[in-house]
Amino acid sequence: MAHSYQLHVDLDAQCLCCRSQQPFHFTSATDQVVCAHCVHHLGSDKAERRDSDHVALWLDLFTEAQQDAAALAADASETIGTRDATIADLTEQVAQLAAVVAGQYEQAAADSAAVTPAGAGVRALLESDAVKRAERNTVLATRRIDWAMAALWAMSELHRDDPAKPMYCVCGKSLSACAEGKALEPVRQSILDWEKKNVALLQEGKRHGLPDDHPAVVLASGGRAPGRWR
């Protein structure tokens, strides 16, 4: 039986014997779409060995998928932890600076209603490198978080429950076999919260972190993606 895969290139395809995704390099449209693990399974008299080999292969694939999922989940948790720590640190810095500014304004008002050296000191503080640096760091941290969350959102769109096919991921794999979907499970609620917050910012006309191919952004721009992520 002829296949429709591209010839003379390295690609992944579903083996017609074990049904797993395996690497292939086809040189003819009539090449067997059977992976290296299964070439010795061809023939009606080899069913017992075929089934045994398939069980071993799928066990190896499942173990590898579990390890990949655990690594992705750990990376995602570390990213979120770093994000939260950065936000807390920058928020504290801004709060401290705001307290200093408020204190100087109160002192200036108590001394005189006119512009005083204390008032000039407040203006100088507001214009200082420390304040500007803290504000820049806050903006940069927010943008880094948005970029990371936008990437996670894009991945979650490719690996989520398929409403038309229960127990399957939209990528085509079963939910139990989709390593990416399993890795995303611990952070799906965080992704949903981030998405909801940024959709609200978009609707209010404020800066948001949604990628340009997000449905809300496409809808807001008249049904076409305006470019790359903001």
C-alpha atoms as a PDB file:
ATOM      1  CA  MET A   1       0.000   0.000   0.000  1.00  0.00           C
ATOM      2  CA  ALA A   2       1.390   3.407  -0.973  1.00  0.00           C
ATOM      3  CA  HIS A   3       1.740   6.112   1.685  1.00  0.00           C
ATOM      4  CA  SER A   4       1.562   9.913   1.353  1.00  0.00           C
ATOM      5  CA  TYR A   5       4.522  10.878   3.531  1.00  0.00           C
ATOM      6  CA  GLN A   6       7.263  13.135   2.156  1.00  0.00           C
ATOM      7  CA  LEU A   7      10.259  11.300   0.711  1.00  0.00           C
ATOM      8  CA  HIS A   8      14.001  11.703   1.471  1.00  0.00           C
ATOM      9  CA  VAL A   9      13.534  13.646   4.712  1.00  0.00           C
ATOM     10  CA  ASP A  10      13.647  12.667   8.390  1.00  0.00           C
ATOM     11  CA  LEU A  11      10.151  12.771   9.900  1.00  0.00           C
ATOM     12  CA  ASP A  12       7.946  11.242  12.579  1.00  0.00           C
ATOM     13  CA  ALA A  13       5.025   9.049  11.567  1.00  0.00           C
ATOM     14  CA  GLN A  14       2.654   6.602  13.218  1.00  0.00           C
ATOM     15  CA  CYS A  15       3.866   3.027  12.858  1.00  0.00           C
ATOM     16  CA  LEU A  16       1.070   0.893  11.424  1.00  0.00           C
ATOM     17  CA  CYS A  17       2.115  -1.993  13.668  1.00  0.00           C
ATOM     18  CA  CYS A  18       2.629  -0.556  17.180  1.00  0.00           C
ATOM     19  CA  ARG A  19       0.726   2.739  16.501  1.00  0.00           C
ATOM     20  CA  SER A  20       3.405   4.852  18.192  1.00  0.00           C
ATOM     21  CA  GLN A  21       5.098   7.915  16.704  1.00  0.00           C
ATOM     22  CA  GLN A  22       8.501   6.809  15.402  1.00  0.00           C
ATOM     23  CA  PRO A  23      11.243   8.330  13.210  1.00  0.00           C
ATOM     24  CA  PHE A  24      11.197   7.400   9.497  1.00  0.00           C
ATOM     25  CA  HIS A  25      13.110   8.239   6.343  1.00  0.00           C
ATOM     26  CA  PHE A  26      11.095   7.153   3.306  1.00  0.00           C
ATOM     27  CA  THR A  27      12.755   6.731  -0.085  1.00  0.00           C
ATOM     28  CA  SER A  28       9.712   5.341  -1.874  1.00  0.00           C
ATOM     29  CA  ALA A  29       5.953   5.785  -1.668  1.00  0.00           C
ATOM     30  CA  THR A  30       5.689   2.010  -1.297  1.00  0.00           C
ATOM     31  CA  ASP A  31       8.003   1.759   1.742  1.00  0.00           C
ATOM     32  CA  GLN A  32       6.422  -0.045   4.702  1.00  0.00           C
ATOM     33  CA  VAL A  33       5.209   2.383   7.375  1.00  0.00           C
ATOM     34  CA  VAL A  34       6.545   0.042  10.055  1.00  0.00           C
ATOM     35  CA  CYS A  35       9.172   1.166  12.559  1.00  0.00           C
ATOM     36  CA  ALA A  36      12.487  -0.521  13.313  1.00  0.00           C
ATOM     37  CA  HIS A  37      10.988  -2.098  16.452  1.00  0.00           C
ATOM     38  CA  CYS A  38       8.312  -3.870  14.415  1.00  0.00           C
ATOM     39  CA  VAL A  39       9.933  -4.966  11.160  1.00  0.00           C
ATOM     40  CA  HIS A  40      10.276  -8.514  12.536  1.00  0.00           C
ATOM     41  CA  HIS A  41       6.553  -8.599  13.432  1.00  0.00           C
ATOM     42  CA  LEU A  42       5.388  -8.917   9.842  1.00  0.00           C
ATOM     43  CA  GLY A  43       3.720 -12.255   9.250  1.00  0.00           C
ATOM     44  CA  SER A  44       0.670 -13.996  10.733  1.00  0.00           C
ATOM     45  CA  ASP A  45       2.770 -16.441  12.760  1.00  0.00           C
ATOM     46  CA  LYS A  46       4.466 -13.754  14.910  1.00  0.00           C
ATOM     47  CA  ALA A  47       1.484 -12.393  16.853  1.00  0.00           C
ATOM     48  CA  GLU A  48       2.703 -13.542  20.268  1.00  0.00           C
ATOM     49  CA  ARG A  49       6.126 -11.906  19.937  1.00  0.00           C
ATOM     50  CA  ARG A  50       4.513  -8.812  18.423  1.00  0.00           C
ATOM     51  CA  ASP A  51       2.195  -8.307  21.387  1.00  0.00           C
ATOM     52  CA  SER A  52       5.006  -8.847  23.893  1.00  0.00           C
ATOM     53  CA  ASP A  53       7.269  -6.385  22.102  1.00  0.00           C
ATOM     54  CA  HIS A  54       4.499  -3.804  21.883  1.00  0.00           C
ATOM     55  CA  VAL A  55       3.842  -3.961  25.611  1.00  0.00           C
ATOM     56  CA  ALA A  56       7.547  -3.419  26.318  1.00  0.00           C
ATOM     57  CA  LEU A  57       7.739  -0.537  23.819  1.00  0.00           C
ATOM     58  CA  TRP A  58       4.688   1.247  25.174  1.00  0.00           C
ATOM     59  CA  LEU A  59       5.964   0.833  28.727  1.00  0.00           C
ATOM     60  CA  ASP A  60       9.236   2.527  27.719  1.00  0.00           C
ATOM     61  CA  LEU A  61       7.344   5.336  25.959  1.00  0.00           C
ATOM     62  CA  PHE A  62       5.054   5.838  28.937  1.00  0.00           C
ATOM     63  CA  THR A  63       8.002   5.988  31.346  1.00  0.00           C
ATOM     64  CA  GLU A  64       9.754   8.539  29.150  1.00  0.00           C
ATOM     65  CA  ALA A  65       6.558  10.599  28.901  1.00  0.00           C
ATOM     66  CA  GLN A  66       6.192  10.568  32.683  1.00  0.00           C
ATOM     67  CA  GLN A  67       9.766  11.789  33.113  1.00  0.00           C
ATOM     68  CA  ASP A  68       9.266  14.562  30.544  1.00  0.00           C
ATOM     69  CA  ALA A  69       6.014  15.612  32.212  1.00  0.00           C
ATOM     70  CA  ALA A  70       7.655  15.767  35.631  1.00  0.00           C
ATOM     71  CA  ALA A  71      10.517  17.877  34.253  1.00  0.00           C
ATOM     72  CA  LEU A  72       8.137  20.295  32.521  1.00  0.00           C
ATOM     73  CA  ALA A  73       6.002  20.614  35.647  1.00  0.00           C
ATOM     74  CA  ALA A  74       9.089  21.334  37.764  1.00  0.00           C
ATOM     75  CA  ASP A  75      10.273  23.987  35.303  1.00  0.00           C
ATOM     76  CA  ALA A  76       6.845  25.620  35.243  1.00  0.00           C
ATOM     77  CA  SER A  77       6.630  25.660  39.051  1.00  0.00           C
ATOM     78  CA  GLU A  78      10.108  27.181  39.291  1.00  0.00           C
ATOM     79  CA  THR A  79       9.193  29.879  36.758  1.00  0.00           C
ATOM     80  CA  ILE A  80       6.028  30.768  38.659  1.00  0.00           C
ATOM     81  CA  GLY A  81       7.914  30.809  41.979  1.00  0.00           C
ATOM     82  CA  THR A  82      10.572  33.141  40.548  1.00  0.00           C
ATOM     83  CA  ARG A  83       7.862  35.360  39.116  1.00  0.00           C
ATOM     84  CA  ASP A  84       6.034  35.638  42.433  1.00  0.00           C
ATOM     85  CA  ALA A  85       9.257  36.390  44.317  1.00  0.00           C
ATOM     86  CA  THR A  86      10.231  39.097  41.798  1.00  0.00           C
ATOM     87  CA  ILE A  87       6.811  40.744  41.986  1.00  0.00           C
ATOM     88  CA  ALA A  88       6.866  40.682  45.800  1.00  0.00           C
ATOM     89  CA  ASP A  89      10.358  42.201  45.912  1.00  0.00           C
ATOM     90  CA  LEU A  90       9.563  44.967  43.429  1.00  0.00           C
ATOM     91  CA  THR A  91       6.234  45.703  45.097  1.00  0.00           C
ATOM     92  CA  GLU A  92       8.035  46.127  48.427  1.00  0.00           C
ATOM     93  CA  GLN A  93      10.578  48.484  46.840  1.00  0.00           C
ATOM     94  CA  VAL A  94       7.822  50.635  45.337  1.00  0.00           C
ATOM     95  CA  ALA A  95       5.943  50.674  48.663  1.00  0.00           C
ATOM     96  CA  GLN A  96       9.080  51.796  50.513  1.00  0.00           C
ATOM     97  CA  LEU A  97       9.712  54.587  48.022  1.00  0.00           C
ATOM     98  CA  ALA A  98       6.068  55.669  48.193  1.00  0.00           C
ATOM     99  CA  ALA A  99       6.325  55.842  52.002  1.00  0.00           C
ATOM    100  CA  VAL A 100       9.412  58.057  51.761  1.00  0.00           C
ATOM    101  CA  VAL A 101       7.686  60.348  49.265  1.00  0.00           C
ATOM    102  CA  ALA A 102       4.525  60.558  51.375  1.00  0.00           C
ATOM    103  CA  GLY A 103       6.565  61.386  54.487  1.00  0.00           C
ATOM    104  CA  GLN A 104       8.384  64.234  52.757  1.00  0.00           C
ATOM    105  CA  TYR A 105       5.151  65.667  51.392  1.00  0.00           C
ATOM    106  CA  GLU A 106       3.592  65.622  54.858  1.00  0.00           C
ATOM    107  CA  GLN A 107       6.612  67.370  56.308  1.00  0.00           C
ATOM    108  CA  ALA A 108       6.563  69.962  53.526  1.00  0.00           C
ATOM    109  CA  ALA A 109       2.873  70.676  54.137  1.00  0.00           C
ATOM    110  CA  ALA A 110       3.470  71.072  57.867  1.00  0.00           C
ATOM    111  CA  ASP A 111       6.332  73.530  57.346  1.00  0.00           C
ATOM    112  CA  SER A 112       4.753  75.719  54.682  1.00  0.00           C
ATOM    113  CA  ALA A 113       2.068  75.820  52.051  1.00  0.00           C
ATOM    114  CA  ALA A 114       4.590  77.240  49.602  1.00  0.00           C
ATOM    115  CA  VAL A 115       7.306  75.340  47.779  1.00  0.00           C
ATOM    116  CA  THR A 116      10.034  74.579  50.288  1.00  0.00           C
ATOM    117  CA  PRO A 117      13.384  72.791  50.140  1.00  0.00           C
ATOM    118  CA  ALA A 118      11.542  69.735  51.418  1.00  0.00           C
ATOM    119  CA  GLY A 119       9.163  69.985  48.461  1.00  0.00           C
ATOM    120  CA  ALA A 120      12.114  70.306  46.131  1.00  0.00           C
ATOM    121  CA  GLY A 121      13.605  67.234  47.782  1.00  0.00           C
ATOM    122  CA  VAL A 122      10.436  65.298  47.066  1.00  0.00           C
ATOM    123  CA  ARG A 123      10.573  66.266  43.402  1.00  0.00           C
ATOM    124  CA  ALA A 124      14.233  65.278  43.265  1.00  0.00           C
ATOM    125  CA  LEU A 125      13.387  61.901  44.816  1.00  0.00           C
ATOM    126  CA  LEU A 126      10.625  61.316  42.276  1.00  0.00           C
ATOM    127  CA  GLU A 127      13.092  62.052  39.504  1.00  0.00           C
ATOM    128  CA  SER A 128      15.918  60.020  40.989  1.00  0.00           C
ATOM    129  CA  ASP A 129      17.493  57.004  39.345  1.00  0.00           C
ATOM    130  CA  ALA A 130      16.279  54.776  42.195  1.00  0.00           C
ATOM    131  CA  VAL A 131      12.614  55.468  41.458  1.00  0.00           C
ATOM    132  CA  LYS A 132      13.060  55.216  37.711  1.00  0.00           C
ATOM    133  CA  ARG A 133      15.029  51.983  38.082  1.00  0.00           C
ATOM    134  CA  ALA A 134      12.347  50.423  40.277  1.00  0.00           C
ATOM    135  CA  GLU A 135       9.635  51.407  37.817  1.00  0.00           C
ATOM    136  CA  ARG A 136      11.624  50.022  34.878  1.00  0.00           C
ATOM    137  CA  ASN A 137      12.290  46.778  36.721  1.00  0.00           C
ATOM    138  CA  THR A 138       8.593  46.415  37.504  1.00  0.00           C
ATOM    139  CA  VAL A 139       7.636  46.892  33.852  1.00  0.00           C
ATOM    140  CA  LEU A 140      10.330  44.491  32.635  1.00  0.00           C
ATOM    141  CA  ALA A 141       9.364  41.849  35.195  1.00  0.00           C
ATOM    142  CA  THR A 142       5.711  42.135  34.167  1.00  0.00           C
ATOM    143  CA  ARG A 143       6.604  41.754  30.513  1.00  0.00           C
ATOM    144  CA  ARG A 144       8.815  38.721  31.184  1.00  0.00           C
ATOM    145  CA  ILE A 145       5.962  37.121  33.098  1.00  0.00           C
ATOM    146  CA  ASP A 146       3.552  37.889  30.268  1.00  0.00           C
ATOM    147  CA  TRP A 147       5.888  36.361  27.677  1.00  0.00           C
ATOM    148  CA  ALA A 148       6.256  33.193  29.752  1.00  0.00           C
ATOM    149  CA  MET A 149       2.520  32.927  30.433  1.00  0.00           C
ATOM    150  CA  ALA A 150       1.684  33.598  26.765  1.00  0.00           C
ATOM    151  CA  ALA A 151       3.947  30.701  25.794  1.00  0.00           C
ATOM    152  CA  LEU A 152       2.249  28.446  28.356  1.00  0.00           C
ATOM    153  CA  TRP A 153      -1.161  29.574  27.080  1.00  0.00           C
ATOM    154  CA  ALA A 154      -0.175  28.694  23.500  1.00  0.00           C
ATOM    155  CA  MET A 155       1.006  25.248  24.649  1.00  0.00           C
ATOM    156  CA  SER A 156      -2.204  24.704  26.634  1.00  0.00           C
ATOM    157  CA  GLU A 157      -4.247  25.426  23.499  1.00  0.00           C
ATOM    158  CA  LEU A 158      -2.396  22.632  21.701  1.00  0.00           C
ATOM    159  CA  HIS A 159      -2.728  20.168  24.594  1.00  0.00           C
ATOM    160  CA  ARG A 160      -6.127  20.175  26.300  1.00  0.00           C
ATOM    161  CA  ASP A 161      -9.233  17.998  26.489  1.00  0.00           C
ATOM    162  CA  ASP A 162     -10.895  17.501  23.113  1.00  0.00           C
ATOM    163  CA  PRO A 163     -14.628  18.287  23.644  1.00  0.00           C
ATOM    164  CA  ALA A 164     -15.471  16.281  20.515  1.00  0.00           C
ATOM    165  CA  LYS A 165     -13.519  13.218  21.616  1.00  0.00           C
ATOM    166  CA  PRO A 166     -13.694  12.345  25.345  1.00  0.00           C
ATOM    167  CA  MET A 167     -10.491  11.007  26.953  1.00  0.00           C
ATOM    168  CA  TYR A 168      -8.398  12.463  24.127  1.00  0.00           C
ATOM    169  CA  CYS A 169      -6.231  15.568  23.787  1.00  0.00           C
ATOM    170  CA  VAL A 170      -6.778  17.948  20.856  1.00  0.00           C
ATOM    171  CA  CYS A 171      -3.273  16.947  19.677  1.00  0.00           C
ATOM    172  CA  GLY A 172      -4.682  13.520  18.842  1.00  0.00           C
ATOM    173  CA  LYS A 173      -3.116  11.520  21.658  1.00  0.00           C
ATOM    174  CA  SER A 174      -5.093  10.001  24.489  1.00  0.00           C
ATOM    175  CA  LEU A 175      -5.032  12.083  27.673  1.00  0.00           C
ATOM    176  CA  SER A 176      -2.985   9.407  29.404  1.00  0.00           C
ATOM    177  CA  ALA A 177      -0.364   9.453  26.629  1.00  0.00           C
ATOM    178  CA  CYS A 178      -0.059  13.231  26.201  1.00  0.00           C
ATOM    179  CA  ALA A 179       3.059  14.200  28.172  1.00  0.00           C
ATOM    180  CA  GLU A 180       2.630  17.892  27.404  1.00  0.00           C
ATOM    181  CA  GLY A 181      -0.925  17.930  28.725  1.00  0.00           C
ATOM    182  CA  LYS A 182       0.145  16.223  31.943  1.00  0.00           C
ATOM    183  CA  ALA A 183       2.970  18.720  32.428  1.00  0.00           C
ATOM    184  CA  LEU A 184       0.542  21.622  32.057  1.00  0.00           C
ATOM    185  CA  GLU A 185      -2.020  20.317  34.562  1.00  0.00           C
ATOM    186  CA  PRO A 186      -0.384  21.874  37.693  1.00  0.00           C
ATOM    187  CA  VAL A 187      -0.377  25.354  36.098  1.00  0.00           C
ATOM    188  CA  ARG A 188      -3.615  25.351  34.088  1.00  0.00           C
ATOM    189  CA  GLN A 189      -5.476  27.392  36.711  1.00  0.00           C
ATOM    190  CA  SER A 190      -2.674  29.959  36.783  1.00  0.00           C
ATOM    191  CA  ILE A 191      -2.849  30.169  32.980  1.00  0.00           C
ATOM    192  CA  LEU A 192      -6.646  30.654  33.109  1.00  0.00           C
ATOM    193  CA  ASP A 193      -6.335  33.365  35.788  1.00  0.00           C
ATOM    194  CA  TRP A 194      -3.661  35.171  33.766  1.00  0.00           C
ATOM    195  CA  GLU A 195      -5.737  34.915  30.589  1.00  0.00           C
ATOM    196  CA  LYS A 196      -8.895  36.249  32.309  1.00  0.00           C
ATOM    197  CA  LYS A 197      -6.985  39.187  33.805  1.00  0.00           C
ATOM    198  CA  ASN A 198      -5.398  40.140  30.482  1.00  0.00           C
ATOM    199  CA  VAL A 199      -8.637  39.804  28.513  1.00  0.00           C
ATOM    200  CA  ALA A 200     -10.133  42.315  30.975  1.00  0.00           C
ATOM    201  CA  LEU A 201      -7.165  44.665  30.423  1.00  0.00           C
ATOM    202  CA  LEU A 202      -7.641  44.366  26.656  1.00  0.00           C
ATOM    203  CA  GLN A 203     -11.343  45.179  26.930  1.00  0.00           C
ATOM    204  CA  GLU A 204     -10.506  48.226  29.063  1.00  0.00           C
ATOM    205  CA  GLY A 205      -8.056  49.454  26.428  1.00  0.00           C
ATOM    206  CA  LYS A 206      -5.037  48.924  28.674  1.00  0.00           C
ATOM    207  CA  ARG A 207      -1.699  47.218  27.998  1.00  0.00           C
ATOM    208  CA  HIS A 208      -2.078  43.437  28.102  1.00  0.00           C
ATOM    209  CA  GLY A 209       0.136  40.404  27.631  1.00  0.00           C
ATOM    210  CA  LEU A 210      -2.079  38.317  25.342  1.00  0.00           C
ATOM    211  CA  PRO A 211      -0.427  37.012  22.151  1.00  0.00           C
ATOM    212  CA  ASP A 212      -1.732  38.456  18.886  1.00  0.00           C
ATOM    213  CA  ASP A 213      -3.319  35.141  17.879  1.00  0.00           C
ATOM    214  CA  HIS A 214      -5.456  35.014  21.019  1.00  0.00           C
ATOM    215  CA  PRO A 215      -9.174  34.966  20.035  1.00  0.00           C
ATOM    216  CA  ALA A 216      -9.926  38.102  22.092  1.00  0.00           C
ATOM    217  CA  VAL A 217      -7.120  40.036  20.381  1.00  0.00           C
ATOM    218  CA  VAL A 218      -8.169  38.828  16.925  1.00  0.00           C
ATOM    219  CA  LEU A 219     -11.784  39.833  17.656  1.00  0.00           C
ATOM    220  CA  ALA A 220     -10.725  43.265  18.946  1.00  0.00           C
ATOM    221  CA  SER A 221      -8.666  43.892  15.796  1.00  0.00           C
ATOM    222  CA  GLY A 222     -11.501  43.102  13.427  1.00  0.00           C
ATOM    223  CA  GLY A 223     -10.967  39.396  12.926  1.00  0.00           C
ATOM    224  CA  ARG A 224      -7.291  39.406  11.963  1.00  0.00           C
ATOM    225  CA  ALA A 225      -4.124  38.946  14.026  1.00  0.00           C
ATOM    226  CA  PRO A 226      -2.263  42.321  14.129  1.00  0.00           C
ATOM    227  CA  GLY A 227       1.267  40.894  14.293  1.00  0.00           C
ATOM    228  CA  ARG A 228       3.400  39.294  16.962  1.00  0.00           C
ATOM    229  CA  TRP A 229       2.992  39.350  20.729  1.00  0.00           C
ATOM    230  CA  ARG A 230       2.959  42.721  22.477  1.00  0.00           C
END
